[in-house]
Amino acid sequence: MIYEFRIRGRIGPSLVRAFTELRAEGNGQDTLLTGAVQDQAALHGVLAQIEGLGLELVEVRRITHEKEDR
């Protein structure tokens, strides 16, 4: 599954490197981390990592594709 994590504010390169499986991009005043998450345990791992780094999570979205909607 592909997930998008919206983090409040712009995060710097050193914090981005902590999320090796995710792609980071600025979106307005926030940062979007997007990428494949293997399972629910991995999802909880990403959420724990965000919290552990003191980042403010604004939103989590599962990105669906047309193929999955059929």
N, C-alpha and C. Protein backbone atom coordinates (compact mmCIF):
# COMPACT_ATOMS: atom_id res chain seq x y z
N MET A 1 0.84 -1.18 0.00
CA MET A 1 0.00 0.00 0.00
C MET A 1 0.88 1.25 0.00
N ILE A 2 0.40 2.26 -0.68
CA ILE A 2 1.10 3.54 -0.72
C ILE A 2 0.43 4.48 0.29
N TYR A 3 1.25 5.11 1.13
CA TYR A 3 0.74 6.06 2.12
C TYR A 3 1.39 7.41 1.95
N GLU A 4 0.64 8.43 2.35
CA GLU A 4 1.14 9.80 2.36
C GLU A 4 1.00 10.33 3.79
N PHE A 5 2.11 10.81 4.34
CA PHE A 5 2.15 11.36 5.69
C PHE A 5 2.42 12.86 5.58
N ARG A 6 1.52 13.68 6.08
CA ARG A 6 1.71 15.13 6.06
C ARG A 6 2.28 15.55 7.41
N ILE A 7 3.46 16.18 7.36
CA ILE A 7 4.16 16.63 8.55
C ILE A 7 4.10 18.15 8.59
N ARG A 8 3.78 18.72 9.75
CA ARG A 8 3.72 20.18 9.88
C ARG A 8 5.13 20.75 9.73
N GLY A 9 5.25 21.73 8.85
CA GLY A 9 6.53 22.41 8.64
C GLY A 9 7.41 21.69 7.63
N ARG A 10 8.48 22.35 7.30
CA ARG A 10 9.45 21.77 6.37
C ARG A 10 10.52 21.06 7.18
N ILE A 11 10.79 19.81 6.85
CA ILE A 11 11.83 19.09 7.58
C ILE A 11 13.11 19.10 6.75
N GLY A 12 14.22 19.16 7.44
CA GLY A 12 15.52 19.26 6.79
C GLY A 12 16.03 17.92 6.28
N PRO A 13 17.12 17.98 5.51
CA PRO A 13 17.69 16.78 4.90
C PRO A 13 18.08 15.70 5.90
N SER A 14 18.57 16.07 7.07
CA SER A 14 18.97 15.04 8.04
C SER A 14 17.76 14.26 8.55
N LEU A 15 16.63 14.92 8.74
CA LEU A 15 15.42 14.20 9.15
C LEU A 15 14.83 13.40 8.00
N VAL A 16 14.91 13.92 6.80
CA VAL A 16 14.41 13.19 5.64
C VAL A 16 15.14 11.86 5.49
N ARG A 17 16.44 11.85 5.77
CA ARG A 17 17.23 10.62 5.65
C ARG A 17 16.79 9.54 6.63
N ALA A 18 16.09 9.92 7.67
CA ALA A 18 15.58 8.93 8.63
C ALA A 18 14.47 8.07 8.03
N PHE A 19 13.86 8.56 6.96
CA PHE A 19 12.75 7.85 6.31
C PHE A 19 13.24 7.29 4.97
N THR A 20 14.04 6.26 5.03
CA THR A 20 14.71 5.74 3.82
C THR A 20 13.74 5.20 2.78
N GLU A 21 12.60 4.72 3.20
CA GLU A 21 11.65 4.12 2.26
C GLU A 21 10.65 5.12 1.69
N LEU A 22 10.70 6.36 2.16
CA LEU A 22 9.71 7.35 1.76
C LEU A 22 10.36 8.50 0.98
N ARG A 23 9.59 9.08 0.07
CA ARG A 23 10.03 10.25 -0.70
C ARG A 23 9.46 11.48 -0.02
N ALA A 24 10.27 12.50 0.14
CA ALA A 24 9.84 13.74 0.80
C ALA A 24 9.73 14.86 -0.21
N GLU A 25 8.69 15.68 -0.05
CA GLU A 25 8.55 16.87 -0.88
C GLU A 25 7.81 17.94 -0.09
N GLY A 26 8.16 19.17 -0.34
CA GLY A 26 7.47 20.28 0.29
C GLY A 26 6.10 20.46 -0.32
N ASN A 27 5.15 20.84 0.51
CA ASN A 27 3.79 21.10 0.05
C ASN A 27 3.26 22.26 0.87
N GLY A 28 3.39 23.46 0.33
CA GLY A 28 3.03 24.65 1.10
C GLY A 28 3.99 24.78 2.26
N GLN A 29 3.45 24.90 3.45
CA GLN A 29 4.28 25.01 4.65
C GLN A 29 4.62 23.64 5.25
N ASP A 30 4.08 22.58 4.68
CA ASP A 30 4.25 21.24 5.23
C ASP A 30 5.17 20.39 4.37
N THR A 31 5.48 19.20 4.88
CA THR A 31 6.27 18.21 4.15
C THR A 31 5.42 16.97 3.96
N LEU A 32 5.42 16.43 2.75
CA LEU A 32 4.73 15.18 2.47
C LEU A 32 5.77 14.07 2.35
N LEU A 33 5.57 13.00 3.10
CA LEU A 33 6.38 11.80 2.98
C LEU A 33 5.49 10.76 2.33
N THR A 34 5.91 10.22 1.20
CA THR A 34 5.08 9.30 0.43
C THR A 34 5.88 8.06 0.08
N GLY A 35 5.23 6.90 0.18
CA GLY A 35 5.90 5.68 -0.23
C GLY A 35 5.15 4.43 0.17
N ALA A 36 5.70 3.30 -0.24
CA ALA A 36 5.10 2.01 0.04
C ALA A 36 5.34 1.62 1.49
N VAL A 37 4.30 1.11 2.12
CA VAL A 37 4.39 0.59 3.48
C VAL A 37 3.91 -0.86 3.39
N GLN A 38 4.76 -1.79 3.79
CA GLN A 38 4.51 -3.21 3.56
C GLN A 38 3.27 -3.75 4.28
N ASP A 39 3.10 -3.39 5.53
CA ASP A 39 1.99 -3.94 6.31
C ASP A 39 1.68 -3.01 7.48
N GLN A 40 0.73 -3.46 8.30
CA GLN A 40 0.30 -2.60 9.41
C GLN A 40 1.42 -2.37 10.42
N ALA A 41 2.26 -3.37 10.64
CA ALA A 41 3.38 -3.22 11.57
C ALA A 41 4.34 -2.14 11.05
N ALA A 42 4.60 -2.13 9.76
CA ALA A 42 5.48 -1.11 9.17
C ALA A 42 4.84 0.27 9.27
N LEU A 43 3.52 0.34 9.10
CA LEU A 43 2.81 1.62 9.25
C LEU A 43 2.98 2.16 10.67
N HIS A 44 2.80 1.30 11.64
CA HIS A 44 2.99 1.73 13.04
C HIS A 44 4.44 2.13 13.30
N GLY A 45 5.37 1.48 12.62
CA GLY A 45 6.78 1.85 12.74
C GLY A 45 7.05 3.25 12.23
N VAL A 46 6.46 3.59 11.09
CA VAL A 46 6.63 4.95 10.55
C VAL A 46 6.01 5.97 11.50
N LEU A 47 4.83 5.67 12.00
CA LEU A 47 4.16 6.59 12.92
C LEU A 47 4.99 6.78 14.20
N ALA A 48 5.57 5.70 14.70
CA ALA A 48 6.41 5.78 15.90
C ALA A 48 7.67 6.60 15.61
N GLN A 49 8.22 6.44 14.42
CA GLN A 49 9.41 7.20 14.04
C GLN A 49 9.11 8.69 13.96
N ILE A 50 7.96 9.04 13.39
CA ILE A 50 7.54 10.44 13.31
C ILE A 50 7.43 11.02 14.73
N GLU A 51 6.77 10.28 15.60
CA GLU A 51 6.60 10.74 16.99
C GLU A 51 7.95 10.82 17.70
N GLY A 52 8.79 9.82 17.51
CA GLY A 52 10.08 9.78 18.17
C GLY A 52 11.00 10.93 17.78
N LEU A 53 10.84 11.42 16.56
CA LEU A 53 11.64 12.55 16.09
C LEU A 53 11.03 13.90 16.48
N GLY A 54 9.88 13.85 17.16
CA GLY A 54 9.25 15.09 17.61
C GLY A 54 8.56 15.86 16.50
N LEU A 55 8.19 15.17 15.43
CA LEU A 55 7.51 15.82 14.31
C LEU A 55 6.01 15.82 14.56
N GLU A 56 5.33 16.84 14.04
CA GLU A 56 3.88 16.93 14.21
C GLU A 56 3.19 16.34 12.98
N LEU A 57 2.50 15.24 13.18
CA LEU A 57 1.76 14.57 12.12
C LEU A 57 0.43 15.27 11.94
N VAL A 58 0.15 15.73 10.73
CA VAL A 58 -1.10 16.44 10.44
C VAL A 58 -2.13 15.50 9.85
N GLU A 59 -1.66 14.58 8.96
CA GLU A 59 -2.61 13.73 8.24
C GLU A 59 -1.89 12.49 7.73
N VAL A 60 -2.62 11.38 7.70
CA VAL A 60 -2.15 10.15 7.05
C VAL A 60 -3.22 9.75 6.05
N ARG A 61 -2.78 9.48 4.82
CA ARG A 61 -3.73 9.04 3.79
C ARG A 61 -3.20 7.81 3.09
N ARG A 62 -4.07 6.86 2.84
CA ARG A 62 -3.71 5.73 1.99
C ARG A 62 -4.06 6.13 0.56
N ILE A 63 -3.09 6.02 -0.31
CA ILE A 63 -3.29 6.41 -1.70
C ILE A 63 -3.79 5.18 -2.46
N THR A 64 -4.95 5.33 -3.09
CA THR A 64 -5.50 4.22 -3.87
C THR A 64 -5.23 4.47 -5.34
N HIS A 65 -5.17 3.41 -6.06
CA HIS A 65 -4.97 3.48 -7.50
C HIS A 65 -6.23 2.97 -8.18
N GLU A 66 -6.43 3.36 -9.42
CA GLU A 66 -7.63 2.92 -10.15
C GLU A 66 -7.76 1.42 -10.15
N LYS A 67 -6.65 0.69 -10.30
CA LYS A 67 -6.69 -0.76 -10.33
C LYS A 67 -7.27 -1.33 -9.04
N GLU A 68 -6.97 -0.71 -7.90
CA GLU A 68 -7.46 -1.21 -6.62
C GLU A 68 -8.94 -0.92 -6.44
N ASP A 69 -9.45 0.10 -7.13
CA ASP A 69 -10.86 0.46 -6.99
C ASP A 69 -11.78 -0.48 -7.76
N ARG A 70 -11.23 -1.27 -8.66
CA ARG A 70 -12.08 -2.15 -9.50
C ARG A 70 -12.35 -3.46 -8.84
